[in-house]
Protein backbone atom coordinates (compact mmCIF):
# COMPACT_ATOMS: atom_id res chain seq x y z
CA UNK A 1 12.44 -2.19 -40.97
CA UNK A 2 9.90 -4.79 -39.85
CA UNK A 3 12.36 -6.07 -37.24
CA UNK A 4 12.59 -2.64 -35.67
CA UNK A 5 8.79 -2.33 -35.51
CA UNK A 6 8.45 -5.77 -33.94
CA UNK A 7 11.02 -4.96 -31.27
CA UNK A 8 9.29 -1.68 -30.53
CA UNK A 9 5.95 -3.47 -30.18
CA UNK A 10 7.42 -6.04 -27.77
CA UNK A 11 8.98 -3.25 -25.71
CA UNK A 12 5.68 -1.39 -25.55
CA UNK A 13 3.82 -4.54 -24.51
CA UNK A 14 6.34 -5.18 -21.74
CA UNK A 15 5.91 -1.66 -20.44
CA UNK A 16 2.13 -2.02 -20.50
CA UNK A 17 2.21 -5.25 -18.49
CA UNK A 18 4.65 -3.64 -16.08
CA UNK A 19 2.35 -0.65 -15.61
CA UNK A 20 -0.54 -2.98 -14.74
CA UNK A 21 1.38 -4.11 -11.63
CA UNK A 22 1.34 -0.57 -10.17
CA UNK A 23 5.12 -0.75 -9.58
CA UNK A 24 5.44 2.32 -7.37
CA UNK A 25 2.68 1.11 -5.06
CA UNK A 26 4.09 -2.42 -4.99
CA UNK A 27 7.58 -1.12 -4.17
CA UNK A 28 6.24 0.56 -1.03
CA UNK A 29 4.27 -2.58 -0.13
CA UNK A 30 7.32 -4.79 -0.57
CA UNK A 31 9.49 -2.38 1.40
CA UNK A 32 7.16 -2.52 4.42
CA UNK A 33 7.14 -6.32 4.12
CA UNK A 34 10.95 -6.40 4.09
CA UNK A 35 11.05 -4.17 7.17
CA UNK A 36 8.70 -6.65 8.86
CA UNK A 37 11.13 -9.46 7.98
CA UNK A 38 14.11 -7.68 9.49
CA UNK A 39 12.25 -6.58 12.62
CA UNK A 40 11.04 -10.14 13.24
CA UNK A 41 14.52 -11.41 14.09
CA UNK A 42 17.19 -10.05 16.46
CA UNK A 43 20.02 -10.43 13.96
CA UNK A 44 20.08 -10.88 10.20
CA UNK A 45 17.16 -12.76 8.61
CA UNK A 46 17.65 -16.04 6.82
CA UNK A 47 18.73 -15.03 3.27
CA UNK A 48 16.59 -17.63 1.50
CA UNK A 49 13.48 -16.75 3.50
CA UNK A 50 14.20 -13.08 2.80
CA UNK A 51 14.62 -13.71 -0.93
CA UNK A 52 11.62 -15.97 -1.46
CA UNK A 53 9.42 -14.06 0.97
CA UNK A 54 10.11 -10.81 -0.87
CA UNK A 55 9.55 -12.48 -4.24
CA UNK A 56 6.30 -14.15 -3.21
CA UNK A 57 4.81 -11.07 -1.53
CA UNK A 58 5.88 -8.87 -4.44
CA UNK A 59 4.31 -11.17 -7.01
CA UNK A 60 1.09 -11.43 -5.00
CA UNK A 61 0.89 -7.65 -4.66
CA UNK A 62 1.47 -7.27 -8.39
CA UNK A 63 -1.23 -9.84 -9.10
CA UNK A 64 -3.73 -7.95 -6.92
CA UNK A 65 -2.86 -4.71 -8.72
CA UNK A 66 -3.48 -6.28 -12.14
CA UNK A 67 -6.82 -7.72 -11.00
CA UNK A 68 -7.71 -4.24 -9.76
CA UNK A 69 -6.92 -2.79 -13.21
CA UNK A 70 -9.12 -5.40 -14.90
CA UNK A 71 -12.09 -4.91 -12.57
CA UNK A 72 -11.89 -1.11 -12.74
CA UNK A 73 -11.08 -0.58 -16.41
CA UNK A 74 -14.62 0.41 -17.41
CA UNK A 75 -14.64 3.27 -14.91
CA UNK A 76 -10.95 4.08 -15.40
CA UNK A 77 -11.67 5.38 -18.91
CA UNK A 78 -13.96 8.04 -17.40
CA UNK A 79 -11.50 9.30 -14.78
CA UNK A 80 -8.75 11.74 -15.64
CA UNK A 81 -6.33 10.10 -13.17
CA UNK A 82 -6.74 6.62 -14.69
CA UNK A 83 -7.84 7.02 -18.31
CA UNK A 84 -4.26 6.65 -19.53
CA UNK A 85 -3.86 3.15 -18.11
CA UNK A 86 -3.18 0.30 -20.57
CA UNK A 87 -6.62 -1.34 -20.46
CA UNK A 88 -8.75 1.80 -20.96
CA UNK A 89 -6.43 2.76 -23.82
CA UNK A 90 -6.87 -0.64 -25.45
CA UNK A 91 -3.15 -1.44 -25.33
CA UNK A 92 -3.92 -4.80 -23.72
CA UNK A 93 -6.99 -7.00 -23.72
CA UNK A 94 -8.94 -7.89 -20.60
CA UNK A 95 -8.21 -11.56 -21.22
CA UNK A 96 -4.45 -11.06 -21.45
CA UNK A 97 -4.47 -8.99 -18.26
CA UNK A 98 -6.49 -11.64 -16.41
CA UNK A 99 -4.08 -14.33 -17.58
CA UNK A 100 -1.13 -12.22 -16.43
CA UNK A 101 -2.71 -11.60 -13.02
CA UNK A 102 -3.51 -15.30 -12.58
CA UNK A 103 0.02 -16.40 -13.48
CA UNK A 104 1.52 -13.90 -11.03
CA UNK A 105 -0.85 -15.04 -8.29
CA UNK A 106 -0.23 -18.75 -8.83
CA UNK A 107 3.54 -18.35 -8.88
CA UNK A 108 3.43 -16.26 -5.71
CA UNK A 109 1.44 -18.92 -3.87
CA UNK A 110 3.79 -21.69 -5.00
CA UNK A 111 6.83 -19.70 -3.88
CA UNK A 112 5.35 -18.80 -0.50
CA UNK A 113 3.84 -22.22 0.27
CA UNK A 114 6.82 -24.37 -0.68
CA UNK A 115 9.79 -22.04 -0.16
CA UNK A 116 8.65 -19.90 2.80
CA UNK A 117 5.80 -21.37 4.89
CA UNK A 118 2.08 -22.16 4.47
CA UNK A 119 0.98 -19.52 7.00
CA UNK A 120 2.53 -16.72 4.95
CA UNK A 121 0.99 -18.16 1.79
CA UNK A 122 -2.49 -18.30 3.33
CA UNK A 123 -2.32 -14.79 4.80
CA UNK A 124 -0.99 -13.40 1.52
CA UNK A 125 -3.81 -15.08 -0.40
CA UNK A 126 -6.38 -13.61 1.99
CA UNK A 127 -4.81 -10.18 1.51
CA UNK A 128 -4.86 -10.58 -2.27
CA UNK A 129 -8.54 -11.53 -2.29
CA UNK A 130 -9.30 -8.77 0.20
CA UNK A 131 -7.93 -6.09 -2.12
CA UNK A 132 -8.66 -7.50 -5.56
CA UNK A 133 -12.18 -8.76 -4.84
CA UNK A 134 -13.65 -7.61 -1.51
CA UNK A 135 -12.45 -4.01 -1.80
CA UNK A 136 -12.48 -3.49 -5.57
CA UNK A 137 -15.72 -5.32 -6.37
CA UNK A 138 -17.83 -4.69 -3.27
CA UNK A 139 -16.58 -2.15 -0.72
CA UNK A 140 -15.35 0.48 -3.17
CA UNK A 141 -18.86 1.03 -4.54
CA UNK A 142 -20.86 0.16 -1.42
CA UNK A 143 -19.80 2.55 1.33
CA UNK A 144 -17.85 5.79 1.91
CA UNK A 145 -15.92 3.84 4.54
CA UNK A 146 -14.55 1.66 1.73
CA UNK A 147 -10.95 2.72 2.20
CA UNK A 148 -11.13 2.25 5.99
CA UNK A 149 -12.43 -1.32 5.82
CA UNK A 150 -10.46 -2.25 2.72
CA UNK A 151 -7.32 -0.77 4.24
CA UNK A 152 -6.82 -4.02 6.14
CA UNK A 153 -5.56 -5.69 2.98
CA UNK A 154 -3.08 -2.90 2.30
CA UNK A 155 -1.83 -2.99 5.89
CA UNK A 156 -0.97 -6.70 5.77
CA UNK A 157 2.53 -6.68 4.14
CA UNK A 158 4.63 -6.15 7.30
CA UNK A 159 2.69 -8.97 8.97
CA UNK A 160 3.39 -11.17 5.94
CA UNK A 161 7.07 -10.30 6.17
CA UNK A 162 7.05 -11.10 9.87
CA UNK A 163 5.43 -14.51 9.39
CA UNK A 164 7.85 -15.29 6.55
CA UNK A 165 10.62 -15.20 9.17
CA UNK A 166 8.89 -16.57 12.26
CA UNK A 167 5.88 -18.56 11.01
CA UNK A 168 3.70 -16.79 13.58
CA UNK A 169 1.76 -13.56 14.06
CA UNK A 170 2.84 -11.57 17.12
CA UNK A 171 1.67 -8.37 18.79
CA UNK A 172 4.63 -6.50 17.30
CA UNK A 173 3.61 -7.58 13.81
CA UNK A 174 0.06 -6.43 14.47
CA UNK A 175 1.38 -3.06 15.64
CA UNK A 176 3.05 -2.57 12.25
CA UNK A 177 -0.28 -3.52 10.68
CA UNK A 178 -2.08 -0.95 12.83
CA UNK A 179 0.24 1.87 11.78
CA UNK A 180 -0.47 1.31 8.08
CA UNK A 181 -4.16 0.67 8.72
CA UNK A 182 -4.58 4.07 10.41
CA UNK A 183 -2.31 5.77 7.85
CA UNK A 184 -4.46 4.64 4.91
CA UNK A 185 -7.56 6.86 5.38
CA UNK A 186 -5.78 10.25 5.60
CA UNK A 187 -3.47 9.13 2.78
CA UNK A 188 -6.26 8.16 0.40
CA UNK A 189 -8.88 10.73 1.42
CA UNK A 190 -6.44 13.50 0.54
CA UNK A 191 -6.28 12.03 -2.97
CA UNK A 192 -10.07 11.61 -3.01
CA UNK A 193 -10.50 15.34 -2.34
CA UNK A 194 -8.08 16.20 -5.14
CA UNK A 195 -9.94 13.86 -7.52
CA UNK A 196 -13.46 14.37 -6.17
CA UNK A 197 -14.95 15.17 -9.59
CA UNK A 198 -13.61 11.93 -11.02
CA UNK A 199 -15.24 9.86 -8.29
CA UNK A 200 -18.52 11.76 -8.65
CA UNK A 201 -18.51 11.12 -12.38
CA UNK A 202 -18.30 7.34 -12.01
CA UNK A 203 -20.52 7.07 -8.93
CA UNK A 204 -17.91 5.81 -6.48
CA UNK A 205 -19.00 6.91 -2.97
CA UNK A 206 -15.72 8.24 -1.66
CA UNK A 207 -16.10 10.26 1.55
CA UNK A 208 -15.76 13.74 -0.02
CA UNK A 209 -18.46 12.79 -2.55
CA UNK A 210 -20.99 11.52 -0.01
CA UNK A 211 -20.25 13.73 3.01
CA UNK A 212 -18.50 16.75 1.54
CA UNK A 213 -14.97 18.06 1.65
CA UNK A 214 -15.25 19.79 5.03
CA UNK A 215 -16.25 16.57 6.76
CA UNK A 216 -13.49 14.67 4.95
CA UNK A 217 -10.86 17.22 5.96
CA UNK A 218 -11.97 16.87 9.59
CA UNK A 219 -11.64 13.09 9.35
CA UNK A 220 -8.19 13.42 7.80
CA UNK A 221 -7.13 15.55 10.77
CA UNK A 222 -8.59 13.13 13.34
CA UNK A 223 -7.00 10.09 11.71
CA UNK A 224 -3.67 11.90 11.48
CA UNK A 225 -3.78 12.68 15.21
CA UNK A 226 -4.55 9.01 15.89
CA UNK A 227 -1.71 7.98 13.58
CA UNK A 228 0.81 10.16 15.41
CA UNK A 229 -0.25 8.62 18.73
CA UNK A 230 -0.09 5.04 17.43
CA UNK A 231 3.27 5.64 15.77
CA UNK A 232 4.78 6.27 19.20
CA UNK A 233 3.67 2.90 20.60
CA UNK A 234 6.67 0.95 19.19
CA UNK A 235 8.89 3.11 21.42
CA UNK A 236 6.59 2.82 24.44
CA UNK A 237 6.52 -0.98 24.17
CA UNK A 238 10.29 -1.29 23.79
CA UNK A 239 10.05 -2.45 20.20
CA UNK A 240 12.16 0.52 19.09
CA UNK A 241 14.40 3.19 20.56
CA UNK A 242 15.11 6.91 20.44
CA UNK A 243 16.11 7.00 16.77
CA UNK A 244 12.68 5.79 15.74
CA UNK A 245 10.91 7.98 18.31
CA UNK A 246 12.61 11.12 16.98
CA UNK A 247 11.73 10.22 13.40
CA UNK A 248 8.11 9.40 14.31
CA UNK A 249 7.64 12.71 16.14
CA UNK A 250 9.17 14.84 13.37
CA UNK A 251 7.39 13.01 10.55
CA UNK A 252 4.12 13.05 12.50
CA UNK A 253 4.42 16.79 13.20
CA UNK A 254 4.83 17.49 9.48
CA UNK A 255 1.89 15.24 8.60
CA UNK A 256 -0.21 16.93 11.27
CA UNK A 257 0.74 20.34 9.89
CA UNK A 258 -0.49 19.28 6.46
CA UNK A 259 -3.76 18.01 7.93
CA UNK A 260 -4.33 21.20 9.98
CA UNK A 261 -3.66 23.39 6.94
CA UNK A 262 -6.08 21.32 4.86
CA UNK A 263 -8.71 21.93 7.53
CA UNK A 264 -8.01 25.66 7.91
CA UNK A 265 -7.21 26.61 4.32
CA UNK A 266 -9.72 24.73 2.15
CA UNK A 267 -9.30 27.26 -0.64
CA UNK A 268 -5.74 26.02 -1.27
CA UNK A 269 -6.52 23.49 -3.99
CA UNK A 270 -2.96 22.15 -4.12
CA UNK A 271 -2.85 21.09 -0.47
CA UNK A 272 -4.75 17.78 -0.83
CA UNK A 273 -2.33 16.45 -3.45
CA UNK A 274 0.66 17.75 -1.47
CA UNK A 275 -0.68 15.93 1.59
CA UNK A 276 -1.21 12.76 -0.42
CA UNK A 277 2.36 12.84 -1.75
CA UNK A 278 3.81 13.60 1.68
CA UNK A 279 1.90 10.69 3.22
CA UNK A 280 3.82 8.31 0.95
CA UNK A 281 7.12 9.87 2.01
CA UNK A 282 5.99 9.69 5.63
CA UNK A 283 5.34 5.95 5.58
CA UNK A 284 8.55 5.12 3.73
CA UNK A 285 10.79 7.10 6.09
CA UNK A 286 8.91 5.91 9.18
CA UNK A 287 9.52 2.26 8.31
CA UNK A 288 13.10 3.03 7.33
CA UNK A 289 13.56 4.56 10.78
CA UNK A 290 12.18 1.39 12.36
CA UNK A 291 14.78 -0.60 10.45
CA UNK A 292 17.72 1.65 11.32
CA UNK A 293 16.70 1.81 14.96
CA UNK A 294 16.31 -1.98 15.15
CA UNK A 295 19.87 -2.63 14.04
CA UNK A 296 21.28 0.18 16.14
CA UNK A 297 19.74 -1.49 19.19
CA UNK A 298 20.99 -4.86 17.97
CA UNK A 299 24.56 -3.58 17.76
CA UNK A 300 24.31 -2.12 21.27
CA UNK A 301 23.26 -5.51 22.61
CA UNK A 302 26.13 -7.41 20.97
């Protein structure tokens, strides 16, 4: 009987550590990094660089997520969206989480520095610190533009993937960065509207808390318009072809429709969360379209 209980406890602990890494968020981060790796080369990327680059970036992203859990756990217990996380529930100690985050971060740096290249390691470390410390500790509680400024860290993965293959930062890599950077505000502000009461309760100055929902909805619309325009640039610069352009226009039109409806129908309380969820789908399919288009063009040039 005791053996069964011990196994159950180990399983629960594993799940709690896994949850600390924000796996669904990290999967999207790693996917955009992988797309950056494939787009960086005309043919197939080096398999070892692909493997170790993905591993290192994934571990670093997981480390940043765990640090974020640790630094936010005192406010997480007060917010409905986050009160069920392992630390607020007392399933793990702060010390064990910090140790876990540190181990993940150290391993990621070792992998990237020695098995990929130092540039990718340095940029990944800067991104990790940018999210785990600069955003979480300072920006998040200092300004309603927190998600705009802090979005730079979240937009870095495709650049990291690119440098893992080429050991350099190019204009094409920065364009991928720009797409995610501009996508971040309408993505997160939609969630902030849906969870406005939570942020008010803990004193975090998210835009709908400090400037009101109407102003936030207007900003979501303006950023979405800008995002649609920027998402077309890969086609205009010859980085991608018609497959990507078609996907960008369709996906952008749907996103824009969500943003317009949020602006015009503020009484629909389900729209902000629907917009938030669609924004995740939008980014995933957009980057998948970049990948498909890249290899379609590659085959045409063979």
